Amino acid sequence: MSAGMRCLCPRCGQGRLFSGYLTVAERCDVCGLDFSQVDSGDGPAVFLIFILGFLVVPLALWVSMTVEWPLWLHTIVWSIVVLALTLGMLRPAKAYVIALQYRYRRSEVEKGS
């Protein structure tokens, strides 16, 4: 699972999992595992929506009740916070879902190798 969080191959933990920002590589450079069978779908995005909503909304409400900011400033600040957290967490979340898929459906993933 740590290899997934570091965006590395779930089998060997050394090869790169991504060829682009969110584009999964065709295969591992080190062990040759074929990544064409893995598909994270919309799972990482949905998980992040729930996690960030749970964390950011109470914080935004607390700041709104504590500080007298204009509405436009709240809009800018919280949009930037949510966008930055989403972009920062999306790649590791996708890698983690792929690692979970490899762990629990290994025979289907390795069939393509």
PDB file of N, CA and C in Angstrom:
ATOM      1  N   MET A   1       0.808  -1.193   0.000  1.00  0.00           N
ATOM      2  CA  MET A   1       0.000   0.000   0.000  1.00  0.00           C
ATOM      3  C   MET A   1       0.859   1.269   0.000  1.00  0.00           C
ATOM      4  N   SER A   2       2.032   1.171   0.610  1.00  0.00           N
ATOM      5  CA  SER A   2       2.910   2.348   0.613  1.00  0.00           C
ATOM      6  C   SER A   2       3.397   2.655  -0.803  1.00  0.00           C
ATOM      7  N   ALA A   3       3.567   1.627  -1.613  1.00  0.00           N
ATOM      8  CA  ALA A   3       3.965   1.855  -3.009  1.00  0.00           C
ATOM      9  C   ALA A   3       2.868   2.605  -3.745  1.00  0.00           C
ATOM     10  N   GLY A   4       1.624   2.292  -3.449  1.00  0.00           N
ATOM     11  CA  GLY A   4       0.510   3.006  -4.062  1.00  0.00           C
ATOM     12  C   GLY A   4       0.486   4.462  -3.667  1.00  0.00           C
ATOM     13  N   MET A   5       0.744   4.757  -2.407  1.00  0.00           N
ATOM     14  CA  MET A   5       0.743   6.146  -1.944  1.00  0.00           C
ATOM     15  C   MET A   5       1.931   6.930  -2.510  1.00  0.00           C
ATOM     16  N   ARG A   6       3.002   6.223  -2.857  1.00  0.00           N
ATOM     17  CA  ARG A   6       4.164   6.885  -3.467  1.00  0.00           C
ATOM     18  C   ARG A   6       4.078   6.883  -4.989  1.00  0.00           C
ATOM     19  N   CYS A   7       2.951   6.422  -5.533  1.00  0.00           N
ATOM     20  CA  CYS A   7       2.688   6.376  -6.982  1.00  0.00           C
ATOM     21  C   CYS A   7       3.682   5.476  -7.704  1.00  0.00           C
ATOM     22  N   LEU A   8       3.972   4.333  -7.098  1.00  0.00           N
ATOM     23  CA  LEU A   8       4.878   3.351  -7.693  1.00  0.00           C
ATOM     24  C   LEU A   8       4.112   2.072  -8.012  1.00  0.00           C
ATOM     25  N   CYS A   9       4.747   1.183  -8.738  1.00  0.00           N
ATOM     26  CA  CYS A   9       4.148  -0.089  -9.130  1.00  0.00           C
ATOM     27  C   CYS A   9       3.700  -0.868  -7.896  1.00  0.00           C
ATOM     28  N   PRO A  10       2.457  -1.400  -7.895  1.00  0.00           N
ATOM     29  CA  PRO A  10       1.989  -2.147  -6.724  1.00  0.00           C
ATOM     30  C   PRO A  10       2.664  -3.509  -6.556  1.00  0.00           C
ATOM     31  N   ARG A  11       3.269  -4.055  -7.617  1.00  0.00           N
ATOM     32  CA  ARG A  11       3.929  -5.368  -7.516  1.00  0.00           C
ATOM     33  C   ARG A  11       5.339  -5.236  -6.944  1.00  0.00           C
ATOM     34  N   CYS A  12       6.177  -4.415  -7.573  1.00  0.00           N
ATOM     35  CA  CYS A  12       7.585  -4.347  -7.158  1.00  0.00           C
ATOM     36  C   CYS A  12       7.889  -3.140  -6.279  1.00  0.00           C
ATOM     37  N   GLY A  13       7.056  -2.112  -6.325  1.00  0.00           N
ATOM     38  CA  GLY A  13       7.279  -0.929  -5.504  1.00  0.00           C
ATOM     39  C   GLY A  13       8.416  -0.044  -5.976  1.00  0.00           C
ATOM     40  N   GLN A  14       8.865  -0.237  -7.234  1.00  0.00           N
ATOM     41  CA  GLN A  14       9.995   0.549  -7.733  1.00  0.00           C
ATOM     42  C   GLN A  14       9.678   1.297  -9.017  1.00  0.00           C
ATOM     43  N   GLY A  15       8.949   0.704  -9.927  1.00  0.00           N
ATOM     44  CA  GLY A  15       8.653   1.337 -11.211  1.00  0.00           C
ATOM     45  C   GLY A  15       7.587   2.416 -11.081  1.00  0.00           C
ATOM     46  N   ARG A  16       7.613   3.364 -12.006  1.00  0.00           N
ATOM     47  CA  ARG A  16       6.631   4.453 -11.978  1.00  0.00           C
ATOM     48  C   ARG A  16       5.262   3.951 -12.425  1.00  0.00           C
ATOM     49  N   LEU A  17       4.223   4.401 -11.733  1.00  0.00           N
ATOM     50  CA  LEU A  17       2.857   4.003 -12.060  1.00  0.00           C
ATOM     51  C   LEU A  17       2.247   4.916 -13.120  1.00  0.00           C
ATOM     52  N   PHE A  18       2.656   6.184 -13.128  1.00  0.00           N
ATOM     53  CA  PHE A  18       2.066   7.160 -14.039  1.00  0.00           C
ATOM     54  C   PHE A  18       3.070   7.602 -15.095  1.00  0.00           C
ATOM     55  N   SER A  19       2.565   7.813 -16.311  1.00  0.00           N
ATOM     56  CA  SER A  19       3.401   8.389 -17.362  1.00  0.00           C
ATOM     57  C   SER A  19       3.119   9.879 -17.508  1.00  0.00           C
ATOM     58  N   GLY A  20       1.989  10.355 -17.019  1.00  0.00           N
ATOM     59  CA  GLY A  20       1.615  11.764 -16.999  1.00  0.00           C
ATOM     60  C   GLY A  20       1.091  12.092 -15.616  1.00  0.00           C
ATOM     61  N   TYR A  21       0.367  13.203 -15.514  1.00  0.00           N
ATOM     62  CA  TYR A  21      -0.155  13.573 -14.192  1.00  0.00           C
ATOM     63  C   TYR A  21      -1.130  12.529 -13.677  1.00  0.00           C
ATOM     64  N   LEU A  22      -2.109  12.142 -14.491  1.00  0.00           N
ATOM     65  CA  LEU A  22      -3.062  11.103 -14.106  1.00  0.00           C
ATOM     66  C   LEU A  22      -3.121   9.954 -15.099  1.00  0.00           C
ATOM     67  N   THR A  23      -2.243   9.956 -16.086  1.00  0.00           N
ATOM     68  CA  THR A  23      -2.219   8.900 -17.099  1.00  0.00           C
ATOM     69  C   THR A  23      -1.400   7.723 -16.585  1.00  0.00           C
ATOM     70  N   VAL A  24      -2.055   6.571 -16.486  1.00  0.00           N
ATOM     71  CA  VAL A  24      -1.369   5.374 -16.002  1.00  0.00           C
ATOM     72  C   VAL A  24      -0.453   4.868 -17.110  1.00  0.00           C
ATOM     73  N   ALA A  25       0.765   4.499 -16.752  1.00  0.00           N
ATOM     74  CA  ALA A  25       1.732   3.970 -17.718  1.00  0.00           C
ATOM     75  C   ALA A  25       1.216   2.648 -18.291  1.00  0.00           C
ATOM     76  N   GLU A  26       1.739   2.267 -19.439  1.00  0.00           N
ATOM     77  CA  GLU A  26       1.311   1.011 -20.056  1.00  0.00           C
ATOM     78  C   GLU A  26       1.795  -0.196 -19.275  1.00  0.00           C
ATOM     79  N   ARG A  27       3.032  -0.115 -18.775  1.00  0.00           N
ATOM     80  CA  ARG A  27       3.583  -1.208 -17.966  1.00  0.00           C
ATOM     81  C   ARG A  27       4.679  -0.685 -17.068  1.00  0.00           C
ATOM     82  N   CYS A  28       5.019  -1.466 -16.067  1.00  0.00           N
ATOM     83  CA  CYS A  28       6.077  -1.102 -15.122  1.00  0.00           C
ATOM     84  C   CYS A  28       7.435  -1.216 -15.812  1.00  0.00           C
ATOM     85  N   ASP A  29       8.282  -0.214 -15.618  1.00  0.00           N
ATOM     86  CA  ASP A  29       9.621  -0.229 -16.212  1.00  0.00           C
ATOM     87  C   ASP A  29      10.522  -1.275 -15.567  1.00  0.00           C
ATOM     88  N   VAL A  30      10.239  -1.643 -14.316  1.00  0.00           N
ATOM     89  CA  VAL A  30      11.122  -2.547 -13.579  1.00  0.00           C
ATOM     90  C   VAL A  30      10.684  -4.002 -13.706  1.00  0.00           C
ATOM     91  N   CYS A  31       9.425  -4.307 -13.325  1.00  0.00           N
ATOM     92  CA  CYS A  31       8.991  -5.711 -13.317  1.00  0.00           C
ATOM     93  C   CYS A  31       8.151  -6.105 -14.527  1.00  0.00           C
ATOM     94  N   GLY A  32       7.708  -5.130 -15.321  1.00  0.00           N
ATOM     95  CA  GLY A  32       6.949  -5.431 -16.529  1.00  0.00           C
ATOM     96  C   GLY A  32       5.469  -5.685 -16.324  1.00  0.00           C
ATOM     97  N   LEU A  33       4.914  -5.374 -15.160  1.00  0.00           N
ATOM     98  CA  LEU A  33       3.487  -5.573 -14.911  1.00  0.00           C
ATOM     99  C   LEU A  33       2.677  -4.716 -15.881  1.00  0.00           C
ATOM    100  N   ASP A  34       1.722  -5.336 -16.550  1.00  0.00           N
ATOM    101  CA  ASP A  34       0.871  -4.645 -17.520  1.00  0.00           C
ATOM    102  C   ASP A  34      -0.235  -3.905 -16.769  1.00  0.00           C
ATOM    103  N   PHE A  35      -0.275  -2.580 -16.921  1.00  0.00           N
ATOM    104  CA  PHE A  35      -1.267  -1.761 -16.231  1.00  0.00           C
ATOM    105  C   PHE A  35      -2.533  -1.565 -17.056  1.00  0.00           C
ATOM    106  N   SER A  36      -2.653  -2.211 -18.202  1.00  0.00           N
ATOM    107  CA  SER A  36      -3.831  -1.999 -19.041  1.00  0.00           C
ATOM    108  C   SER A  36      -5.096  -2.576 -18.403  1.00  0.00           C
ATOM    109  N   GLN A  37      -4.959  -3.482 -17.470  1.00  0.00           N
ATOM    110  CA  GLN A  37      -6.119  -4.099 -16.822  1.00  0.00           C
ATOM    111  C   GLN A  37      -6.620  -3.313 -15.614  1.00  0.00           C
ATOM    112  N   VAL A  38      -5.851  -2.335 -15.147  1.00  0.00           N
ATOM    113  CA  VAL A  38      -6.275  -1.580 -13.967  1.00  0.00           C
ATOM    114  C   VAL A  38      -7.120  -0.385 -14.389  1.00  0.00           C
ATOM    115  N   ASP A  39      -8.137  -0.107 -13.598  1.00  0.00           N
ATOM    116  CA  ASP A  39      -9.010   1.022 -13.872  1.00  0.00           C
ATOM    117  C   ASP A  39      -9.549   1.522 -12.538  1.00  0.00           C
ATOM    118  N   SER A  40      -9.185   2.735 -12.187  1.00  0.00           N
ATOM    119  CA  SER A  40      -9.649   3.279 -10.916  1.00  0.00           C
ATOM    120  C   SER A  40     -11.026   3.904 -11.042  1.00  0.00           C
ATOM    121  N   GLY A  41     -11.468   4.185 -12.254  1.00  0.00           N
ATOM    122  CA  GLY A  41     -12.780   4.783 -12.460  1.00  0.00           C
ATOM    123  C   GLY A  41     -12.891   6.140 -11.788  1.00  0.00           C
ATOM    124  N   ASP A  42     -14.058   6.424 -11.237  1.00  0.00           N
ATOM    125  CA  ASP A  42     -14.295   7.696 -10.559  1.00  0.00           C
ATOM    126  C   ASP A  42     -14.114   7.594  -9.053  1.00  0.00           C
ATOM    127  N   GLY A  43     -13.676   6.448  -8.573  1.00  0.00           N
ATOM    128  CA  GLY A  43     -13.536   6.228  -7.135  1.00  0.00           C
ATOM    129  C   GLY A  43     -12.694   7.266  -6.409  1.00  0.00           C
ATOM    130  N   PRO A  44     -11.471   7.545  -6.879  1.00  0.00           N
ATOM    131  CA  PRO A  44     -10.646   8.532  -6.169  1.00  0.00           C
ATOM    132  C   PRO A  44     -11.288   9.914  -6.102  1.00  0.00           C
ATOM    133  N   ALA A  45     -11.928  10.351  -7.163  1.00  0.00           N
ATOM    134  CA  ALA A  45     -12.574  11.664  -7.165  1.00  0.00           C
ATOM    135  C   ALA A  45     -13.737  11.702  -6.181  1.00  0.00           C
ATOM    136  N   VAL A  46     -14.524  10.641  -6.141  1.00  0.00           N
ATOM    137  CA  VAL A  46     -15.655  10.585  -5.211  1.00  0.00           C
ATOM    138  C   VAL A  46     -15.163  10.562  -3.770  1.00  0.00           C
ATOM    139  N   PHE A  47     -14.121   9.767  -3.491  1.00  0.00           N
ATOM    140  CA  PHE A  47     -13.567   9.732  -2.139  1.00  0.00           C
ATOM    141  C   PHE A  47     -13.081  11.112  -1.722  1.00  0.00           C
ATOM    142  N   LEU A  48     -12.407  11.798  -2.632  1.00  0.00           N
ATOM    143  CA  LEU A  48     -11.890  13.130  -2.306  1.00  0.00           C
ATOM    144  C   LEU A  48     -13.007  14.145  -2.091  1.00  0.00           C
ATOM    145  N   ILE A  49     -14.091  14.031  -2.846  1.00  0.00           N
ATOM    146  CA  ILE A  49     -15.231  14.929  -2.637  1.00  0.00           C
ATOM    147  C   ILE A  49     -15.746  14.778  -1.208  1.00  0.00           C
ATOM    148  N   PHE A  50     -15.918  13.555  -0.760  1.00  0.00           N
ATOM    149  CA  PHE A  50     -16.423  13.325   0.594  1.00  0.00           C
ATOM    150  C   PHE A  50     -15.417  13.749   1.657  1.00  0.00           C
ATOM    151  N   ILE A  51     -14.153  13.383   1.477  1.00  0.00           N
ATOM    152  CA  ILE A  51     -13.128  13.703   2.478  1.00  0.00           C
ATOM    153  C   ILE A  51     -12.918  15.211   2.571  1.00  0.00           C
ATOM    154  N   LEU A  52     -12.743  15.867   1.437  1.00  0.00           N
ATOM    155  CA  LEU A  52     -12.515  17.314   1.465  1.00  0.00           C
ATOM    156  C   LEU A  52     -13.756  18.073   1.919  1.00  0.00           C
ATOM    157  N   GLY A  53     -14.928  17.603   1.542  1.00  0.00           N
ATOM    158  CA  GLY A  53     -16.158  18.225   2.042  1.00  0.00           C
ATOM    159  C   GLY A  53     -16.257  18.125   3.547  1.00  0.00           C
ATOM    160  N   PHE A  54     -15.892  16.978   4.088  1.00  0.00           N
ATOM    161  CA  PHE A  54     -15.924  16.764   5.536  1.00  0.00           C
ATOM    162  C   PHE A  54     -14.911  17.645   6.261  1.00  0.00           C
ATOM    163  N   LEU A  55     -13.761  17.912   5.632  1.00  0.00           N
ATOM    164  CA  LEU A  55     -12.715  18.702   6.271  1.00  0.00           C
ATOM    165  C   LEU A  55     -12.845  20.208   6.023  1.00  0.00           C
ATOM    166  N   VAL A  56     -13.162  20.600   4.796  1.00  0.00           N
ATOM    167  CA  VAL A  56     -13.118  22.014   4.429  1.00  0.00           C
ATOM    168  C   VAL A  56     -14.391  22.766   4.841  1.00  0.00           C
ATOM    169  N   VAL A  57     -15.548  22.164   4.713  1.00  0.00           N
ATOM    170  CA  VAL A  57     -16.795  22.880   5.018  1.00  0.00           C
ATOM    171  C   VAL A  57     -16.847  23.335   6.474  1.00  0.00           C
ATOM    172  N   PRO A  58     -16.560  22.484   7.459  1.00  0.00           N
ATOM    173  CA  PRO A  58     -16.564  22.995   8.841  1.00  0.00           C
ATOM    174  C   PRO A  58     -15.524  24.096   9.065  1.00  0.00           C
ATOM    175  N   LEU A  59     -14.363  23.960   8.441  1.00  0.00           N
ATOM    176  CA  LEU A  59     -13.340  24.993   8.567  1.00  0.00           C
ATOM    177  C   LEU A  59     -13.811  26.311   7.956  1.00  0.00           C
ATOM    178  N   ALA A  60     -14.438  26.236   6.791  1.00  0.00           N
ATOM    179  CA  ALA A  60     -14.962  27.447   6.144  1.00  0.00           C
ATOM    180  C   ALA A  60     -16.072  28.084   6.986  1.00  0.00           C
ATOM    181  N   LEU A  61     -16.928  27.270   7.564  1.00  0.00           N
ATOM    182  CA  LEU A  61     -17.984  27.812   8.430  1.00  0.00           C
ATOM    183  C   LEU A  61     -17.400  28.469   9.670  1.00  0.00           C
ATOM    184  N   TRP A  62     -16.402  27.847  10.265  1.00  0.00           N
ATOM    185  CA  TRP A  62     -15.767  28.422  11.450  1.00  0.00           C
ATOM    186  C   TRP A  62     -15.109  29.760  11.121  1.00  0.00           C
ATOM    187  N   VAL A  63     -14.384  29.817  10.012  1.00  0.00           N
ATOM    188  CA  VAL A  63     -13.750  31.071   9.597  1.00  0.00           C
ATOM    189  C   VAL A  63     -14.817  32.124   9.299  1.00  0.00           C
ATOM    190  N   SER A  64     -15.898  31.713   8.660  1.00  0.00           N
ATOM    191  CA  SER A  64     -16.977  32.643   8.334  1.00  0.00           C
ATOM    192  C   SER A  64     -17.595  33.253   9.589  1.00  0.00           C
ATOM    193  N   MET A  65     -17.709  32.473  10.657  1.00  0.00           N
ATOM    194  CA  MET A  65     -18.287  32.983  11.905  1.00  0.00           C
ATOM    195  C   MET A  65     -17.281  33.766  12.740  1.00  0.00           C
ATOM    196  N   THR A  66     -16.001  33.526  12.520  1.00  0.00           N
ATOM    197  CA  THR A  66     -14.957  34.168  13.319  1.00  0.00           C
ATOM    198  C   THR A  66     -14.464  35.469  12.700  1.00  0.00           C
ATOM    199  N   VAL A  67     -14.326  35.501  11.387  1.00  0.00           N
ATOM    200  CA  VAL A  67     -13.719  36.639  10.687  1.00  0.00           C
ATOM    201  C   VAL A  67     -14.769  37.307   9.803  1.00  0.00           C
ATOM    202  N   GLU A  68     -14.736  38.598   9.727  1.00  0.00           N
ATOM    203  CA  GLU A  68     -15.675  39.368   8.907  1.00  0.00           C
ATOM    204  C   GLU A  68     -15.106  39.600   7.506  1.00  0.00           C
ATOM    205  N   TRP A  69     -15.052  38.557   6.705  1.00  0.00           N
ATOM    206  CA  TRP A  69     -14.590  38.689   5.333  1.00  0.00           C
ATOM    207  C   TRP A  69     -15.788  38.960   4.431  1.00  0.00           C
ATOM    208  N   PRO A  70     -15.580  39.675   3.330  1.00  0.00           N
ATOM    209  CA  PRO A  70     -16.660  39.801   2.340  1.00  0.00           C
ATOM    210  C   PRO A  70     -16.873  38.454   1.636  1.00  0.00           C
ATOM    211  N   LEU A  71     -18.058  38.294   1.107  1.00  0.00           N
ATOM    212  CA  LEU A  71     -18.413  37.025   0.473  1.00  0.00           C
ATOM    213  C   LEU A  71     -17.485  36.680  -0.689  1.00  0.00           C
ATOM    214  N   TRP A  72     -17.094  37.668  -1.482  1.00  0.00           N
ATOM    215  CA  TRP A  72     -16.214  37.409  -2.622  1.00  0.00           C
ATOM    216  C   TRP A  72     -14.862  36.864  -2.168  1.00  0.00           C
ATOM    217  N   LEU A  73     -14.372  37.303  -0.998  1.00  0.00           N
ATOM    218  CA  LEU A  73     -13.093  36.806  -0.491  1.00  0.00           C
ATOM    219  C   LEU A  73     -13.207  35.346  -0.044  1.00  0.00           C
ATOM    220  N   HIS A  74     -14.327  35.017   0.600  1.00  0.00           N
ATOM    221  CA  HIS A  74     -14.572  33.615   0.958  1.00  0.00           C
ATOM    222  C   HIS A  74     -14.585  32.739  -0.292  1.00  0.00           C
ATOM    223  N   THR A  75     -15.235  33.219  -1.326  1.00  0.00           N
ATOM    224  CA  THR A  75     -15.323  32.454  -2.569  1.00  0.00           C
ATOM    225  C   THR A  75     -13.940  32.192  -3.144  1.00  0.00           C
ATOM    226  N   ILE A  76     -13.115  33.204  -3.196  1.00  0.00           N
ATOM    227  CA  ILE A  76     -11.767  33.039  -3.754  1.00  0.00           C
ATOM    228  C   ILE A  76     -10.906  32.135  -2.880  1.00  0.00           C
ATOM    229  N   VAL A  77     -10.882  32.402  -1.578  1.00  0.00           N
ATOM    230  CA  VAL A  77     -10.016  31.633  -0.668  1.00  0.00           C
ATOM    231  C   VAL A  77     -10.391  30.163  -0.655  1.00  0.00           C
ATOM    232  N   TRP A  78     -11.671  29.852  -0.482  1.00  0.00           N
ATOM    233  CA  TRP A  78     -12.062  28.445  -0.347  1.00  0.00           C
ATOM    234  C   TRP A  78     -12.021  27.711  -1.688  1.00  0.00           C
ATOM    235  N   SER A  79     -12.200  28.419  -2.781  1.00  0.00           N
ATOM    236  CA  SER A  79     -12.036  27.784  -4.097  1.00  0.00           C
ATOM    237  C   SER A  79     -10.583  27.372  -4.319  1.00  0.00           C
ATOM    238  N   ILE A  80      -9.669  28.258  -3.944  1.00  0.00           N
ATOM    239  CA  ILE A  80      -8.245  27.946  -4.093  1.00  0.00           C
ATOM    240  C   ILE A  80      -7.842  26.800  -3.168  1.00  0.00           C
ATOM    241  N   VAL A  81      -8.339  26.815  -1.933  1.00  0.00           N
ATOM    242  CA  VAL A  81      -8.004  25.754  -0.973  1.00  0.00           C
ATOM    243  C   VAL A  81      -8.499  24.403  -1.477  1.00  0.00           C
ATOM    244  N   VAL A  82      -9.748  24.342  -1.902  1.00  0.00           N
ATOM    245  CA  VAL A  82     -10.314  23.071  -2.377  1.00  0.00           C
ATOM    246  C   VAL A  82      -9.604  22.603  -3.652  1.00  0.00           C
ATOM    247  N   LEU A  83      -9.340  23.515  -4.572  1.00  0.00           N
ATOM    248  CA  LEU A  83      -8.658  23.143  -5.816  1.00  0.00           C
ATOM    249  C   LEU A  83      -7.247  22.627  -5.536  1.00  0.00           C
ATOM    250  N   ALA A  84      -6.511  23.309  -4.671  1.00  0.00           N
ATOM    251  CA  ALA A  84      -5.146  22.880  -4.347  1.00  0.00           C
ATOM    252  C   ALA A  84      -5.141  21.519  -3.647  1.00  0.00           C
ATOM    253  N   LEU A  85      -6.031  21.326  -2.693  1.00  0.00           N
ATOM    254  CA  LEU A  85      -6.093  20.032  -2.006  1.00  0.00           C
ATOM    255  C   LEU A  85      -6.509  18.914  -2.952  1.00  0.00           C
ATOM    256  N   THR A  86      -7.451  19.195  -3.832  1.00  0.00           N
ATOM    257  CA  THR A  86      -7.901  18.180  -4.792  1.00  0.00           C
ATOM    258  C   THR A  86      -6.778  17.785  -5.743  1.00  0.00           C
ATOM    259  N   LEU A  87      -6.121  18.776  -6.324  1.00  0.00           N
ATOM    260  CA  LEU A  87      -5.031  18.460  -7.260  1.00  0.00           C
ATOM    261  C   LEU A  87      -3.858  17.782  -6.558  1.00  0.00           C
ATOM    262  N   GLY A  88      -3.617  18.145  -5.322  1.00  0.00           N
ATOM    263  CA  GLY A  88      -2.522  17.529  -4.580  1.00  0.00           C
ATOM    264  C   GLY A  88      -2.807  16.103  -4.148  1.00  0.00           C
ATOM    265  N   MET A  89      -4.072  15.786  -3.913  1.00  0.00           N
ATOM    266  CA  MET A  89      -4.428  14.468  -3.387  1.00  0.00           C
ATOM    267  C   MET A  89      -4.951  13.500  -4.438  1.00  0.00           C
ATOM    268  N   LEU A  90      -5.283  13.991  -5.630  1.00  0.00           N
ATOM    269  CA  LEU A  90      -5.906  13.125  -6.630  1.00  0.00           C
ATOM    270  C   LEU A  90      -4.975  12.035  -7.144  1.00  0.00           C
ATOM    271  N   ARG A  91      -3.740  12.378  -7.432  1.00  0.00           N
ATOM    272  CA  ARG A  91      -2.789  11.380  -7.947  1.00  0.00           C
ATOM    273  C   ARG A  91      -2.497  10.273  -6.923  1.00  0.00           C
ATOM    274  N   PRO A  92      -2.158  10.599  -5.653  1.00  0.00           N
ATOM    275  CA  PRO A  92      -1.966   9.520  -4.680  1.00  0.00           C
ATOM    276  C   PRO A  92      -3.245   8.714  -4.425  1.00  0.00           C
ATOM    277  N   ALA A  93      -4.413   9.357  -4.483  1.00  0.00           N
ATOM    278  CA  ALA A  93      -5.668   8.624  -4.287  1.00  0.00           C
ATOM    279  C   ALA A  93      -5.891   7.627  -5.412  1.00  0.00           C
ATOM    280  N   LYS A  94      -5.601   8.037  -6.644  1.00  0.00           N
ATOM    281  CA  LYS A  94      -5.747   7.132  -7.786  1.00  0.00           C
ATOM    282  C   LYS A  94      -4.755   5.977  -7.684  1.00  0.00           C
ATOM    283  N   ALA A  95      -3.521   6.273  -7.297  1.00  0.00           N
ATOM    284  CA  ALA A  95      -2.514   5.223  -7.139  1.00  0.00           C
ATOM    285  C   ALA A  95      -2.908   4.243  -6.025  1.00  0.00           C
ATOM    286  N   TYR A  96      -3.492   4.765  -4.958  1.00  0.00           N
ATOM    287  CA  TYR A  96      -3.911   3.909  -3.850  1.00  0.00           C
ATOM    288  C   TYR A  96      -5.046   2.974  -4.280  1.00  0.00           C
ATOM    289  N   VAL A  97      -5.999   3.493  -5.053  1.00  0.00           N
ATOM    290  CA  VAL A  97      -7.100   2.649  -5.548  1.00  0.00           C
ATOM    291  C   VAL A  97      -6.558   1.575  -6.490  1.00  0.00           C
ATOM    292  N   ILE A  98      -5.595   1.924  -7.327  1.00  0.00           N
ATOM    293  CA  ILE A  98      -4.980   0.931  -8.217  1.00  0.00           C
ATOM    294  C   ILE A  98      -4.237  -0.122  -7.407  1.00  0.00           C
ATOM    295  N   ALA A  99      -3.542   0.291  -6.351  1.00  0.00           N
ATOM    296  CA  ALA A  99      -2.841  -0.670  -5.486  1.00  0.00           C
ATOM    297  C   ALA A  99      -3.826  -1.587  -4.780  1.00  0.00           C
ATOM    298  N   LEU A 100      -4.953  -1.052  -4.342  1.00  0.00           N
ATOM    299  CA  LEU A 100      -5.984  -1.898  -3.726  1.00  0.00           C
ATOM    300  C   LEU A 100      -6.557  -2.885  -4.737  1.00  0.00           C
ATOM    301  N   GLN A 101      -6.764  -2.420  -5.964  1.00  0.00           N
ATOM    302  CA  GLN A 101      -7.260  -3.310  -7.002  1.00  0.00           C
ATOM    303  C   GLN A 101      -6.259  -4.431  -7.268  1.00  0.00           C
ATOM    304  N   TYR A 102      -4.980  -4.093  -7.310  1.00  0.00           N
ATOM    305  CA  TYR A 102      -3.960  -5.120  -7.524  1.00  0.00           C
ATOM    306  C   TYR A 102      -3.950  -6.107  -6.360  1.00  0.00           C
ATOM    307  N   ARG A 103      -4.066  -5.592  -5.148  1.00  0.00           N
ATOM    308  CA  ARG A 103      -3.995  -6.464  -3.973  1.00  0.00           C
ATOM    309  C   ARG A 103      -5.161  -7.449  -3.918  1.00  0.00           C
ATOM    310  N   TYR A 104      -6.360  -6.985  -4.213  1.00  0.00           N
ATOM    311  CA  TYR A 104      -7.534  -7.834  -4.049  1.00  0.00           C
ATOM    312  C   TYR A 104      -8.015  -8.498  -5.335  1.00  0.00           C
ATOM    313  N   ARG A 105      -7.491  -8.089  -6.494  1.00  0.00           N
ATOM    314  CA  ARG A 105      -7.872  -8.712  -7.765  1.00  0.00           C
ATOM    315  C   ARG A 105      -6.624  -9.032  -8.565  1.00  0.00           C
ATOM    316  N   ARG A 106      -5.606  -9.508  -7.901  1.00  0.00           N
ATOM    317  CA  ARG A 106      -4.292  -9.751  -8.514  1.00  0.00           C
ATOM    318  C   ARG A 106      -4.375 -10.664  -9.723  1.00  0.00           C
ATOM    319  N   SER A 107      -5.182 -11.702  -9.669  1.00  0.00           N
ATOM    320  CA  SER A 107      -5.233 -12.647 -10.798  1.00  0.00           C
ATOM    321  C   SER A 107      -5.757 -11.975 -12.060  1.00  0.00           C
ATOM    322  N   GLU A 108      -6.708 -11.038 -11.929  1.00  0.00           N
ATOM    323  CA  GLU A 108      -7.238 -10.344 -13.092  1.00  0.00           C
ATOM    324  C   GLU A 108      -6.216  -9.345 -13.637  1.00  0.00           C
ATOM    325  N   VAL A 109      -5.490  -8.682 -12.749  1.00  0.00           N
ATOM    326  CA  VAL A 109      -4.504  -7.673 -13.183  1.00  0.00           C
ATOM    327  C   VAL A 109      -3.323  -8.344 -13.838  1.00  0.00           C
ATOM    328  N   GLU A 110      -2.831  -9.437 -13.265  1.00  0.00           N
ATOM    329  CA  GLU A 110      -1.647 -10.110 -13.799  1.00  0.00           C
ATOM    330  C   GLU A 110      -1.939 -10.936 -15.031  1.00  0.00           C
ATOM    331  N   LYS A 111      -3.210 -11.157 -15.336  1.00  0.00           N
ATOM    332  CA  LYS A 111      -3.585 -11.930 -16.519  1.00  0.00           C
ATOM    333  C   LYS A 111      -3.071 -11.245 -17.789  1.00  0.00           C
ATOM    334  N   GLY A 112      -3.044  -9.892 -17.781  1.00  0.00           N
ATOM    335  CA  GLY A 112      -2.575  -9.160 -18.948  1.00  0.00           C
ATOM    336  C   GLY A 112      -1.068  -9.141 -19.093  1.00  0.00           C
ATOM    337  N   SER A 113      -0.303  -9.538 -18.060  1.00  0.00           N
ATOM    338  CA  SER A 113       1.183  -9.487 -18.126  1.00  0.00           C
ATOM    339  C   SER A 113       1.742 -10.582 -18.965  1.00  0.00           C
TER     340      SER A 113
END
